Amino acid sequence: MIELVQGDITKVEQIDAIVNAANSSLLGGGGVDGAIHRAAGEELLFECRLLGGCKTGQAKITKAYKLPCKRIIHTVGPVWNGGSHNEDQLLADCYINSLKLAIENQIRTIAFPSISTGIYSFPVARAAKIAVHTVDQFLKEHPGCFDRVLWVLFDKNTKESYQKEVDLIEKNLDLADSVTESRQTDLQVFACFFQSVIEQDRSAVVICNLEHEIIYMNPSAIENYRKWGGRELLGQSLLNCHNQQSRDKIEKVIEWFKTSKEHNMVYTFYNQKQNKDVYMVALRDQDRLIGYYEKHEYRNAETMKFYDLW
């Protein structure tokens, strides 16, 4: 998804929009800004005059005119002033607001320069860290909105700084996948080990990992969740079977489980229609939380404390 190249952003092809590191007047200047205005032609300057400038951290959009892309997103980066004047957040805002504007305009491929690291003197390594991690987080929060995010960087040193941050993200992603796979295996072993016991339970039992993916359902659970697909729910998210209020409650219980190894079971809901209590129980490998199970049990006199964790 995130790519890096060294080159001239005005000559990038097969990109819907490029981002211009503009000044607040939007009327052109030096560096990338001047190069984009020269390549796009005088019509760009005329359109920019109608926009009324742009504040630092904000973004505005124009046509691209003679450039090979369709649109230009203009954003104003912060001038480096020692780091104590909100420069980091303003730089992050440049990327966030540019991406938001891209989504609003159905832009799926976008190219950035290294904002603020030219005449605005933002330290390159610091800018790269903010830029790459801000965009990565935005993409995670807006899945499916972009097909390609490209940085077109002017020199080798700048590209190396950005590459370092991209490599770090990829390394963390590989580690996260490894941890998830390990937890998945632990849960599958748990389900197999207790399968003969759980399958005889007349109460519905659903075992999930921490991403709420259903690992196991006993026969009672398959019947209980029949209207949502029954056995076909294996590998799907348990949250799809709950309304938003219940989803929020499940998420809060998971966070409660994480706060202490003593937090292992809570009564979360009474299903009046079916006369069933619903419980969530933490599943741990020693002290490490690896998942949970949800159990629906026909109601008896309940002595546990009702859902009231905080």
C-alpha atoms as a PDB file:
ATOM      1  CA  MET A   1       0.000   0.000   0.000  1.00  0.00           C
ATOM      2  CA  ILE A   2       2.721   2.513   0.969  1.00  0.00           C
ATOM      3  CA  GLU A   3       5.439   2.942  -1.660  1.00  0.00           C
ATOM      4  CA  LEU A   4       8.536   5.123  -1.927  1.00  0.00           C
ATOM      5  CA  VAL A   5      10.389   6.384  -5.005  1.00  0.00           C
ATOM      6  CA  GLN A   6      13.079   8.965  -5.587  1.00  0.00           C
ATOM      7  CA  GLY A   7      12.165  11.376  -8.343  1.00  0.00           C
ATOM      8  CA  ASP A   8      10.101  14.316  -9.584  1.00  0.00           C
ATOM      9  CA  ILE A   9       6.517  14.400  -8.291  1.00  0.00           C
ATOM     10  CA  THR A  10       5.345  16.429 -11.304  1.00  0.00           C
ATOM     11  CA  LYS A  11       6.148  13.503 -13.617  1.00  0.00           C
ATOM     12  CA  VAL A  12       4.470  10.701 -11.687  1.00  0.00           C
ATOM     13  CA  GLU A  13       1.930   8.786 -13.782  1.00  0.00           C
ATOM     14  CA  GLN A  14      -1.014   6.492 -12.953  1.00  0.00           C
ATOM     15  CA  ILE A  15      -1.825   8.550  -9.844  1.00  0.00           C
ATOM     16  CA  ASP A  16      -5.176  10.253  -9.280  1.00  0.00           C
ATOM     17  CA  ALA A  17      -3.759  13.145  -7.246  1.00  0.00           C
ATOM     18  CA  ILE A  18      -0.469  14.600  -6.082  1.00  0.00           C
ATOM     19  CA  VAL A  19      -0.017  16.652  -2.937  1.00  0.00           C
ATOM     20  CA  ASN A  20       1.617  20.055  -3.147  1.00  0.00           C
ATOM     21  CA  ALA A  21       3.638  21.325  -0.184  1.00  0.00           C
ATOM     22  CA  ALA A  22       2.260  24.825  -0.632  1.00  0.00           C
ATOM     23  CA  ASN A  23       2.644  28.126   1.167  1.00  0.00           C
ATOM     24  CA  SER A  24      -0.339  29.796   2.806  1.00  0.00           C
ATOM     25  CA  SER A  25      -1.080  32.014  -0.211  1.00  0.00           C
ATOM     26  CA  LEU A  26      -1.373  28.984  -2.535  1.00  0.00           C
ATOM     27  CA  LEU A  27       0.119  31.195  -5.259  1.00  0.00           C
ATOM     28  CA  GLY A  28       3.322  29.253  -5.806  1.00  0.00           C
ATOM     29  CA  GLY A  29       6.776  29.505  -4.335  1.00  0.00           C
ATOM     30  CA  GLY A  30      10.020  27.592  -4.258  1.00  0.00           C
ATOM     31  CA  GLY A  31      10.837  23.889  -4.166  1.00  0.00           C
ATOM     32  CA  VAL A  32       8.040  21.412  -4.849  1.00  0.00           C
ATOM     33  CA  ASP A  33       5.434  24.188  -4.811  1.00  0.00           C
ATOM     34  CA  GLY A  34       7.133  26.146  -7.591  1.00  0.00           C
ATOM     35  CA  ALA A  35       7.800  23.022  -9.633  1.00  0.00           C
ATOM     36  CA  ILE A  36       4.135  21.976  -9.503  1.00  0.00           C
ATOM     37  CA  HIS A  37       2.914  25.440 -10.525  1.00  0.00           C
ATOM     38  CA  ARG A  38       5.355  25.579 -13.441  1.00  0.00           C
ATOM     39  CA  ALA A  39       4.418  22.117 -14.663  1.00  0.00           C
ATOM     40  CA  ALA A  40       0.646  22.645 -14.304  1.00  0.00           C
ATOM     41  CA  GLY A  41       0.634  26.017 -16.088  1.00  0.00           C
ATOM     42  CA  GLU A  42      -0.933  29.410 -15.493  1.00  0.00           C
ATOM     43  CA  GLU A  43      -4.473  28.039 -15.122  1.00  0.00           C
ATOM     44  CA  LEU A  44      -3.493  26.535 -11.774  1.00  0.00           C
ATOM     45  CA  LEU A  45      -2.451  29.950 -10.453  1.00  0.00           C
ATOM     46  CA  PHE A  46      -5.768  31.428 -11.595  1.00  0.00           C
ATOM     47  CA  GLU A  47      -7.772  28.727  -9.737  1.00  0.00           C
ATOM     48  CA  CYS A  48      -5.622  29.061  -6.617  1.00  0.00           C
ATOM     49  CA  ARG A  49      -6.346  32.786  -6.466  1.00  0.00           C
ATOM     50  CA  LEU A  50     -10.026  31.913  -5.983  1.00  0.00           C
ATOM     51  CA  LEU A  51      -9.365  29.728  -2.928  1.00  0.00           C
ATOM     52  CA  GLY A  52      -8.483  32.476  -0.462  1.00  0.00           C
ATOM     53  CA  GLY A  53      -5.285  30.880   0.775  1.00  0.00           C
ATOM     54  CA  CYS A  54      -4.944  27.981   3.217  1.00  0.00           C
ATOM     55  CA  LYS A  55      -4.052  27.689   6.908  1.00  0.00           C
ATOM     56  CA  THR A  56      -1.172  25.594   8.177  1.00  0.00           C
ATOM     57  CA  GLY A  57      -2.186  21.953   8.505  1.00  0.00           C
ATOM     58  CA  GLN A  58      -5.254  22.358   6.299  1.00  0.00           C
ATOM     59  CA  ALA A  59      -5.735  21.279   2.676  1.00  0.00           C
ATOM     60  CA  LYS A  60      -7.534  22.443  -0.479  1.00  0.00           C
ATOM     61  CA  ILE A  61      -7.992  20.826  -3.895  1.00  0.00           C
ATOM     62  CA  THR A  62      -7.733  22.003  -7.518  1.00  0.00           C
ATOM     63  CA  LYS A  63      -7.599  20.567 -10.995  1.00  0.00           C
ATOM     64  CA  ALA A  64      -4.184  19.408 -12.212  1.00  0.00           C
ATOM     65  CA  TYR A  65      -4.277  21.023 -15.674  1.00  0.00           C
ATOM     66  CA  LYS A  66      -1.096  20.058 -17.593  1.00  0.00           C
ATOM     67  CA  LEU A  67       0.095  17.516 -15.012  1.00  0.00           C
ATOM     68  CA  PRO A  68      -0.436  13.783 -15.731  1.00  0.00           C
ATOM     69  CA  CYS A  69      -2.634  13.367 -12.603  1.00  0.00           C
ATOM     70  CA  LYS A  70      -6.260  14.494 -12.277  1.00  0.00           C
ATOM     71  CA  ARG A  71      -6.153  16.650  -9.151  1.00  0.00           C
ATOM     72  CA  ILE A  72      -3.735  18.531  -6.895  1.00  0.00           C
ATOM     73  CA  ILE A  73      -4.233  18.662  -3.141  1.00  0.00           C
ATOM     74  CA  HIS A  74      -2.509  21.705  -1.655  1.00  0.00           C
ATOM     75  CA  THR A  75      -1.492  21.577   2.004  1.00  0.00           C
ATOM     76  CA  VAL A  76       0.516  24.032   4.059  1.00  0.00           C
ATOM     77  CA  GLY A  77       3.187  22.463   6.242  1.00  0.00           C
ATOM     78  CA  PRO A  78       4.568  24.044   9.410  1.00  0.00           C
ATOM     79  CA  VAL A  79       7.773  26.058   9.477  1.00  0.00           C
ATOM     80  CA  TRP A  80      10.222  24.404  11.886  1.00  0.00           C
ATOM     81  CA  ASN A  81      10.676  26.621  14.923  1.00  0.00           C
ATOM     82  CA  GLY A  82      12.463  24.327  17.347  1.00  0.00           C
ATOM     83  CA  GLY A  83       9.616  21.858  17.886  1.00  0.00           C
ATOM     84  CA  SER A  84       7.812  23.739  20.650  1.00  0.00           C
ATOM     85  CA  HIS A  85       5.166  25.419  18.492  1.00  0.00           C
ATOM     86  CA  ASN A  86       2.929  22.433  17.708  1.00  0.00           C
ATOM     87  CA  GLU A  87       4.919  21.629  14.563  1.00  0.00           C
ATOM     88  CA  ASP A  88       4.511  17.842  14.941  1.00  0.00           C
ATOM     89  CA  GLN A  89       0.715  17.958  15.124  1.00  0.00           C
ATOM     90  CA  LEU A  90       0.456  20.483  12.313  1.00  0.00           C
ATOM     91  CA  LEU A  91       2.546  18.252  10.070  1.00  0.00           C
ATOM     92  CA  ALA A  92       0.383  15.245  10.935  1.00  0.00           C
ATOM     93  CA  ASP A  93      -2.689  17.372  10.145  1.00  0.00           C
ATOM     94  CA  CYS A  94      -1.314  18.021   6.658  1.00  0.00           C
ATOM     95  CA  TYR A  95      -1.390  14.311   5.874  1.00  0.00           C
ATOM     96  CA  ILE A  96      -4.701  13.626   7.626  1.00  0.00           C
ATOM     97  CA  ASN A  97      -6.543  16.495   5.944  1.00  0.00           C
ATOM     98  CA  SER A  98      -5.055  15.671   2.548  1.00  0.00           C
ATOM     99  CA  LEU A  99      -6.265  12.074   2.832  1.00  0.00           C
ATOM    100  CA  LYS A 100      -9.701  13.163   4.040  1.00  0.00           C
ATOM    101  CA  LEU A 101     -10.001  15.500   1.057  1.00  0.00           C
ATOM    102  CA  ALA A 102      -8.907  12.678  -1.241  1.00  0.00           C
ATOM    103  CA  ILE A 103     -11.665  10.394   0.076  1.00  0.00           C
ATOM    104  CA  GLU A 104     -14.261  13.156  -0.364  1.00  0.00           C
ATOM    105  CA  ASN A 105     -13.208  13.444  -4.018  1.00  0.00           C
ATOM    106  CA  GLN A 106     -13.092   9.699  -4.801  1.00  0.00           C
ATOM    107  CA  ILE A 107      -9.293   9.737  -5.123  1.00  0.00           C
ATOM    108  CA  ARG A 108      -7.881   6.247  -4.645  1.00  0.00           C
ATOM    109  CA  THR A 109      -4.214   6.767  -5.561  1.00  0.00           C
ATOM    110  CA  ILE A 110      -2.214   9.651  -4.126  1.00  0.00           C
ATOM    111  CA  ALA A 111       1.411  10.820  -4.118  1.00  0.00           C
ATOM    112  CA  PHE A 112       3.025  12.940  -1.391  1.00  0.00           C
ATOM    113  CA  PRO A 113       6.259  14.880  -1.275  1.00  0.00           C
ATOM    114  CA  SER A 114       8.198  15.216   1.979  1.00  0.00           C
ATOM    115  CA  ILE A 115       6.196  18.086   3.443  1.00  0.00           C
ATOM    116  CA  SER A 116       8.047  20.877   5.301  1.00  0.00           C
ATOM    117  CA  THR A 117      11.545  19.390   4.981  1.00  0.00           C
ATOM    118  CA  GLY A 118      12.739  21.852   2.330  1.00  0.00           C
ATOM    119  CA  ILE A 119      12.845  25.594   2.953  1.00  0.00           C
ATOM    120  CA  TYR A 120      10.623  25.114   6.036  1.00  0.00           C
ATOM    121  CA  SER A 121      13.568  23.219   7.635  1.00  0.00           C
ATOM    122  CA  PHE A 122      11.595  20.468   9.439  1.00  0.00           C
ATOM    123  CA  PRO A 123      14.153  17.764  10.425  1.00  0.00           C
ATOM    124  CA  VAL A 124      13.890  15.006   7.818  1.00  0.00           C
ATOM    125  CA  ALA A 125      14.043  11.992  10.164  1.00  0.00           C
ATOM    126  CA  ARG A 126      11.410  13.485  12.456  1.00  0.00           C
ATOM    127  CA  ALA A 127       9.176  14.459   9.541  1.00  0.00           C
ATOM    128  CA  ALA A 128       9.468  10.973   8.032  1.00  0.00           C
ATOM    129  CA  LYS A 129       8.427   9.322  11.296  1.00  0.00           C
ATOM    130  CA  ILE A 130       5.390  11.583  11.667  1.00  0.00           C
ATOM    131  CA  ALA A 131       4.408  11.266   8.010  1.00  0.00           C
ATOM    132  CA  VAL A 132       4.643   7.500   7.622  1.00  0.00           C
ATOM    133  CA  HIS A 133       3.052   6.595  10.949  1.00  0.00           C
ATOM    134  CA  THR A 134       0.245   9.147  10.522  1.00  0.00           C
ATOM    135  CA  VAL A 135      -0.625   7.831   7.076  1.00  0.00           C
ATOM    136  CA  ASP A 136      -0.346   4.205   8.187  1.00  0.00           C
ATOM    137  CA  GLN A 137      -2.756   4.848  11.072  1.00  0.00           C
ATOM    138  CA  PHE A 138      -5.173   6.680   8.767  1.00  0.00           C
ATOM    139  CA  LEU A 139      -5.176   3.770   6.319  1.00  0.00           C
ATOM    140  CA  LYS A 140      -5.928   1.345   9.156  1.00  0.00           C
ATOM    141  CA  GLU A 141      -8.843   3.513  10.248  1.00  0.00           C
ATOM    142  CA  HIS A 142     -10.154   3.822   6.661  1.00  0.00           C
ATOM    143  CA  PRO A 143      -9.704   0.346   5.143  1.00  0.00           C
ATOM    144  CA  GLY A 144     -10.457  -0.003   1.446  1.00  0.00           C
ATOM    145  CA  CYS A 145     -10.393   3.738   0.723  1.00  0.00           C
ATOM    146  CA  PHE A 146      -7.033   3.797  -1.098  1.00  0.00           C
ATOM    147  CA  ASP A 147      -5.353   1.528  -3.610  1.00  0.00           C
ATOM    148  CA  ARG A 148      -1.941   3.193  -3.516  1.00  0.00           C
ATOM    149  CA  VAL A 149      -0.134   5.765  -1.371  1.00  0.00           C
ATOM    150  CA  LEU A 150       3.185   6.919  -2.790  1.00  0.00           C
ATOM    151  CA  TRP A 151       5.931   9.205  -1.524  1.00  0.00           C
ATOM    152  CA  VAL A 152       7.997  10.828  -4.272  1.00  0.00           C
ATOM    153  CA  LEU A 153      11.179  12.000  -2.575  1.00  0.00           C
ATOM    154  CA  PHE A 154      13.733  14.410  -3.962  1.00  0.00           C
ATOM    155  CA  ASP A 155      17.012  12.893  -2.764  1.00  0.00           C
ATOM    156  CA  LYS A 156      18.580   9.684  -1.484  1.00  0.00           C
ATOM    157  CA  ASN A 157      18.931  10.783   2.145  1.00  0.00           C
ATOM    158  CA  THR A 158      15.252  11.712   2.403  1.00  0.00           C
ATOM    159  CA  LYS A 159      14.201   8.416   0.815  1.00  0.00           C
ATOM    160  CA  GLU A 160      16.364   6.478   3.292  1.00  0.00           C
ATOM    161  CA  SER A 161      14.695   8.252   6.235  1.00  0.00           C
ATOM    162  CA  TYR A 162      11.236   7.368   4.949  1.00  0.00           C
ATOM    163  CA  GLN A 163      12.284   3.810   4.111  1.00  0.00           C
ATOM    164  CA  LYS A 164      13.437   3.306   7.686  1.00  0.00           C
ATOM    165  CA  GLU A 165       9.945   4.154   8.983  1.00  0.00           C
ATOM    166  CA  VAL A 166       8.181   1.993   6.390  1.00  0.00           C
ATOM    167  CA  ASP A 167      10.431  -0.951   7.292  1.00  0.00           C
ATOM    168  CA  LEU A 168       9.593  -0.452  10.965  1.00  0.00           C
ATOM    169  CA  ILE A 169       5.870  -0.621  10.248  1.00  0.00           C
ATOM    170  CA  GLU A 170       6.287  -3.776   8.179  1.00  0.00           C
ATOM    171  CA  LYS A 171       8.385  -5.371  10.938  1.00  0.00           C
ATOM    172  CA  ASN A 172       5.721  -4.576  13.547  1.00  0.00           C
ATOM    173  CA  LEU A 173       3.044  -5.971  11.238  1.00  0.00           C
ATOM    174  CA  ASP A 174       4.957  -9.246  10.858  1.00  0.00           C
ATOM    175  CA  LEU A 175       5.332  -9.446  14.646  1.00  0.00           C
ATOM    176  CA  ALA A 176       1.616  -8.814  15.160  1.00  0.00           C
ATOM    177  CA  ASP A 177       0.756 -11.571  12.659  1.00  0.00           C
ATOM    178  CA  SER A 178       3.081 -13.960  14.493  1.00  0.00           C
ATOM    179  CA  VAL A 179       1.487 -13.194  17.860  1.00  0.00           C
ATOM    180  CA  THR A 180      -2.019 -13.607  16.416  1.00  0.00           C
ATOM    181  CA  GLU A 181      -1.096 -16.964  14.879  1.00  0.00           C
ATOM    182  CA  SER A 182       0.327 -18.160  18.215  1.00  0.00           C
ATOM    183  CA  ARG A 183      -2.815 -17.168  20.115  1.00  0.00           C
ATOM    184  CA  GLN A 184      -4.982 -18.821  17.461  1.00  0.00           C
ATOM    185  CA  THR A 185      -3.106 -22.091  17.905  1.00  0.00           C
ATOM    186  CA  ASP A 186      -3.446 -21.874  21.696  1.00  0.00           C
ATOM    187  CA  LEU A 187      -7.213 -21.434  21.402  1.00  0.00           C
ATOM    188  CA  GLN A 188      -7.579 -24.307  18.967  1.00  0.00           C
ATOM    189  CA  VAL A 189      -5.669 -26.570  21.361  1.00  0.00           C
ATOM    190  CA  PHE A 190      -7.919 -25.418  24.206  1.00  0.00           C
ATOM    191  CA  ALA A 191     -11.060 -26.127  22.178  1.00  0.00           C
ATOM    192  CA  CYS A 192      -9.855 -29.593  21.177  1.00  0.00           C
ATOM    193  CA  PHE A 193      -8.773 -30.474  24.708  1.00  0.00           C
ATOM    194  CA  PHE A 194     -12.143 -29.634  26.233  1.00  0.00           C
ATOM    195  CA  GLN A 195     -14.267 -30.488  23.204  1.00  0.00           C
ATOM    196  CA  SER A 196     -15.787 -33.655  24.681  1.00  0.00           C
ATOM    197  CA  VAL A 197     -16.872 -31.701  27.770  1.00  0.00           C
ATOM    198  CA  ILE A 198     -18.095 -28.583  25.993  1.00  0.00           C
ATOM    199  CA  GLU A 199     -20.061 -30.475  23.351  1.00  0.00           C
ATOM    200  CA  GLN A 200     -22.113 -32.195  26.038  1.00  0.00           C
ATOM    201  CA  ASP A 201     -23.021 -28.860  27.614  1.00  0.00           C
ATOM    202  CA  ARG A 202     -26.637 -27.983  26.847  1.00  0.00           C
ATOM    203  CA  SER A 203     -25.712 -24.307  27.162  1.00  0.00           C
ATOM    204  CA  ALA A 204     -24.451 -22.468  24.095  1.00  0.00           C
ATOM    205  CA  VAL A 205     -20.655 -21.974  24.243  1.00  0.00           C
ATOM    206  CA  VAL A 206     -18.728 -19.880  21.696  1.00  0.00           C
ATOM    207  CA  ILE A 207     -14.918 -19.576  21.884  1.00  0.00           C
ATOM    208  CA  CYS A 208     -13.319 -16.485  20.305  1.00  0.00           C
ATOM    209  CA  ASN A 209      -9.869 -14.970  19.958  1.00  0.00           C
ATOM    210  CA  LEU A 210      -9.136 -11.381  20.972  1.00  0.00           C
ATOM    211  CA  GLU A 211     -10.149 -10.179  17.507  1.00  0.00           C
ATOM    212  CA  HIS A 212     -13.595 -11.764  18.194  1.00  0.00           C
ATOM    213  CA  GLU A 213     -13.133 -14.403  15.483  1.00  0.00           C
ATOM    214  CA  ILE A 214     -15.151 -17.507  16.333  1.00  0.00           C
ATOM    215  CA  ILE A 215     -12.814 -20.475  16.800  1.00  0.00           C
ATOM    216  CA  TYR A 216     -15.318 -23.025  18.109  1.00  0.00           C
ATOM    217  CA  MET A 217     -19.063 -23.439  18.675  1.00  0.00           C
ATOM    218  CA  ASN A 218     -20.637 -26.350  20.480  1.00  0.00           C
ATOM    219  CA  PRO A 219     -23.851 -27.888  19.055  1.00  0.00           C
ATOM    220  CA  SER A 220     -26.027 -25.771  21.344  1.00  0.00           C
ATOM    221  CA  ALA A 221     -24.306 -22.601  20.128  1.00  0.00           C
ATOM    222  CA  ILE A 222     -24.731 -23.627  16.492  1.00  0.00           C
ATOM    223  CA  GLU A 223     -28.453 -23.972  17.120  1.00  0.00           C
ATOM    224  CA  ASN A 224     -28.608 -20.773  19.191  1.00  0.00           C
ATOM    225  CA  TYR A 225     -26.965 -18.763  16.380  1.00  0.00           C
ATOM    226  CA  ARG A 226     -28.793 -20.500  13.533  1.00  0.00           C
ATOM    227  CA  LYS A 227     -30.470 -17.325  12.256  1.00  0.00           C
ATOM    228  CA  TRP A 228     -27.011 -15.769  11.808  1.00  0.00           C
ATOM    229  CA  GLY A 229     -25.688 -18.785   9.938  1.00  0.00           C
ATOM    230  CA  GLY A 230     -24.984 -21.385  12.622  1.00  0.00           C
ATOM    231  CA  ARG A 231     -21.881 -23.403  11.741  1.00  0.00           C
ATOM    232  CA  GLU A 232     -21.051 -20.963   8.922  1.00  0.00           C
ATOM    233  CA  LEU A 233     -20.085 -18.407  11.581  1.00  0.00           C
ATOM    234  CA  LEU A 234     -16.826 -20.265  12.277  1.00  0.00           C
ATOM    235  CA  GLY A 235     -14.005 -17.936  11.270  1.00  0.00           C
ATOM    236  CA  GLN A 236     -16.352 -14.930  11.335  1.00  0.00           C
ATOM    237  CA  SER A 237     -16.663 -12.179  13.925  1.00  0.00           C
ATOM    238  CA  LEU A 238     -18.948 -12.774  16.893  1.00  0.00           C
ATOM    239  CA  LEU A 239     -19.667  -9.032  16.878  1.00  0.00           C
ATOM    240  CA  ASN A 240     -21.700  -9.493  13.689  1.00  0.00           C
ATOM    241  CA  CYS A 241     -24.290 -11.321  15.797  1.00  0.00           C
ATOM    242  CA  HIS A 242     -24.744  -8.461  18.256  1.00  0.00           C
ATOM    243  CA  ASN A 243     -26.184  -4.965  18.166  1.00  0.00           C
ATOM    244  CA  GLN A 244     -23.967  -1.950  18.805  1.00  0.00           C
ATOM    245  CA  GLN A 245     -24.778  -1.797  22.519  1.00  0.00           C
ATOM    246  CA  SER A 246     -23.740  -5.425  22.971  1.00  0.00           C
ATOM    247  CA  ARG A 247     -20.612  -4.919  20.854  1.00  0.00           C
ATOM    248  CA  ASP A 248     -19.536  -2.030  23.049  1.00  0.00           C
ATOM    249  CA  LYS A 249     -20.137  -4.141  26.164  1.00  0.00           C
ATOM    250  CA  ILE A 250     -18.040  -7.022  24.783  1.00  0.00           C
ATOM    251  CA  GLU A 251     -15.174  -4.644  23.996  1.00  0.00           C
ATOM    252  CA  LYS A 252     -15.313  -3.224  27.530  1.00  0.00           C
ATOM    253  CA  VAL A 253     -15.241  -6.692  29.052  1.00  0.00           C
ATOM    254  CA  ILE A 254     -12.136  -7.580  27.012  1.00  0.00           C
ATOM    255  CA  GLU A 255     -10.421  -4.443  28.314  1.00  0.00           C
ATOM    256  CA  TRP A 256     -11.469  -5.428  31.858  1.00  0.00           C
ATOM    257  CA  PHE A 257     -10.004  -8.907  31.378  1.00  0.00           C
ATOM    258  CA  LYS A 258      -6.713  -7.305  30.330  1.00  0.00           C
ATOM    259  CA  THR A 259      -6.363  -5.165  33.450  1.00  0.00           C
ATOM    260  CA  SER A 260      -5.877  -8.081  35.858  1.00  0.00           C
ATOM    261  CA  LYS A 261      -5.334 -11.829  35.763  1.00  0.00           C
ATOM    262  CA  GLU A 262      -7.994 -11.979  38.500  1.00  0.00           C
ATOM    263  CA  HIS A 263     -10.627 -10.634  36.085  1.00  0.00           C
ATOM    264  CA  ASN A 264     -11.897 -13.828  34.509  1.00  0.00           C
ATOM    265  CA  MET A 265     -15.684 -14.003  34.462  1.00  0.00           C
ATOM    266  CA  VAL A 266     -18.570 -11.577  34.312  1.00  0.00           C
ATOM    267  CA  TYR A 267     -22.330 -11.879  33.917  1.00  0.00           C
ATOM    268  CA  THR A 268     -23.148  -9.471  31.074  1.00  0.00           C
ATOM    269  CA  PHE A 269     -26.768  -9.859  30.033  1.00  0.00           C
ATOM    270  CA  TYR A 270     -30.117 -11.493  30.773  1.00  0.00           C
ATOM    271  CA  ASN A 271     -32.011 -12.617  27.677  1.00  0.00           C
ATOM    272  CA  GLN A 272     -35.561 -12.302  28.931  1.00  0.00           C
ATOM    273  CA  LYS A 273     -37.118 -13.818  25.813  1.00  0.00           C
ATOM    274  CA  GLN A 274     -35.088 -17.034  26.143  1.00  0.00           C
ATOM    275  CA  ASN A 275     -34.751 -16.871  29.945  1.00  0.00           C
ATOM    276  CA  LYS A 276     -30.977 -17.161  29.636  1.00  0.00           C
ATOM    277  CA  ASP A 277     -28.048 -15.539  31.367  1.00  0.00           C
ATOM    278  CA  VAL A 278     -25.063 -14.598  29.216  1.00  0.00           C
ATOM    279  CA  TYR A 279     -21.518 -14.791  30.614  1.00  0.00           C
ATOM    280  CA  MET A 280     -18.094 -13.928  29.276  1.00  0.00           C
ATOM    281  CA  VAL A 281     -15.123 -15.938  30.576  1.00  0.00           C
ATOM    282  CA  ALA A 282     -11.455 -15.102  29.999  1.00  0.00           C
ATOM    283  CA  LEU A 283      -9.237 -17.759  28.417  1.00  0.00           C
ATOM    284  CA  ARG A 284      -5.611 -17.540  29.504  1.00  0.00           C
ATOM    285  CA  ASP A 285      -2.359 -19.306  28.760  1.00  0.00           C
ATOM    286  CA  GLN A 286      -0.997 -19.015  32.291  1.00  0.00           C
ATOM    287  CA  ASP A 287      -1.437 -15.254  32.845  1.00  0.00           C
ATOM    288  CA  ARG A 288      -1.584 -14.283  29.172  1.00  0.00           C
ATOM    289  CA  LEU A 289      -5.051 -13.469  27.849  1.00  0.00           C
ATOM    290  CA  ILE A 290      -5.530 -15.307  24.539  1.00  0.00           C
ATOM    291  CA  GLY A 291      -9.289 -15.154  24.042  1.00  0.00           C
ATOM    292  CA  TYR A 292     -12.645 -15.614  25.698  1.00  0.00           C
ATOM    293  CA  TYR A 293     -15.776 -17.653  25.572  1.00  0.00           C
ATOM    294  CA  GLU A 294     -19.362 -16.558  25.677  1.00  0.00           C
ATOM    295  CA  LYS A 295     -21.858 -18.863  27.356  1.00  0.00           C
ATOM    296  CA  HIS A 296     -25.659 -18.715  27.291  1.00  0.00           C
ATOM    297  CA  GLU A 297     -27.117 -20.565  30.259  1.00  0.00           C
ATOM    298  CA  TYR A 298     -30.747 -21.129  31.235  1.00  0.00           C
ATOM    299  CA  ARG A 299     -31.552 -18.885  34.133  1.00  0.00           C
ATOM    300  CA  ASN A 300     -31.274 -20.013  37.712  1.00  0.00           C
ATOM    301  CA  ALA A 301     -31.222 -17.837  40.805  1.00  0.00           C
ATOM    302  CA  GLU A 302     -28.299 -15.502  40.028  1.00  0.00           C
ATOM    303  CA  THR A 303     -25.977 -14.553  42.853  1.00  0.00           C
ATOM    304  CA  MET A 304     -23.131 -13.082  40.809  1.00  0.00           C
ATOM    305  CA  LYS A 305     -22.675  -9.353  40.652  1.00  0.00           C
ATOM    306  CA  PHE A 306     -24.423  -7.981  37.584  1.00  0.00           C
ATOM    307  CA  TYR A 307     -22.391  -6.352  34.813  1.00  0.00           C
ATOM    308  CA  ASP A 308     -20.904  -3.382  36.652  1.00  0.00           C
ATOM    309  CA  LEU A 309     -17.169  -3.312  36.144  1.00  0.00           C
ATOM    310  CA  TRP A 310     -16.383   0.340  36.588  1.00  0.00           C
END
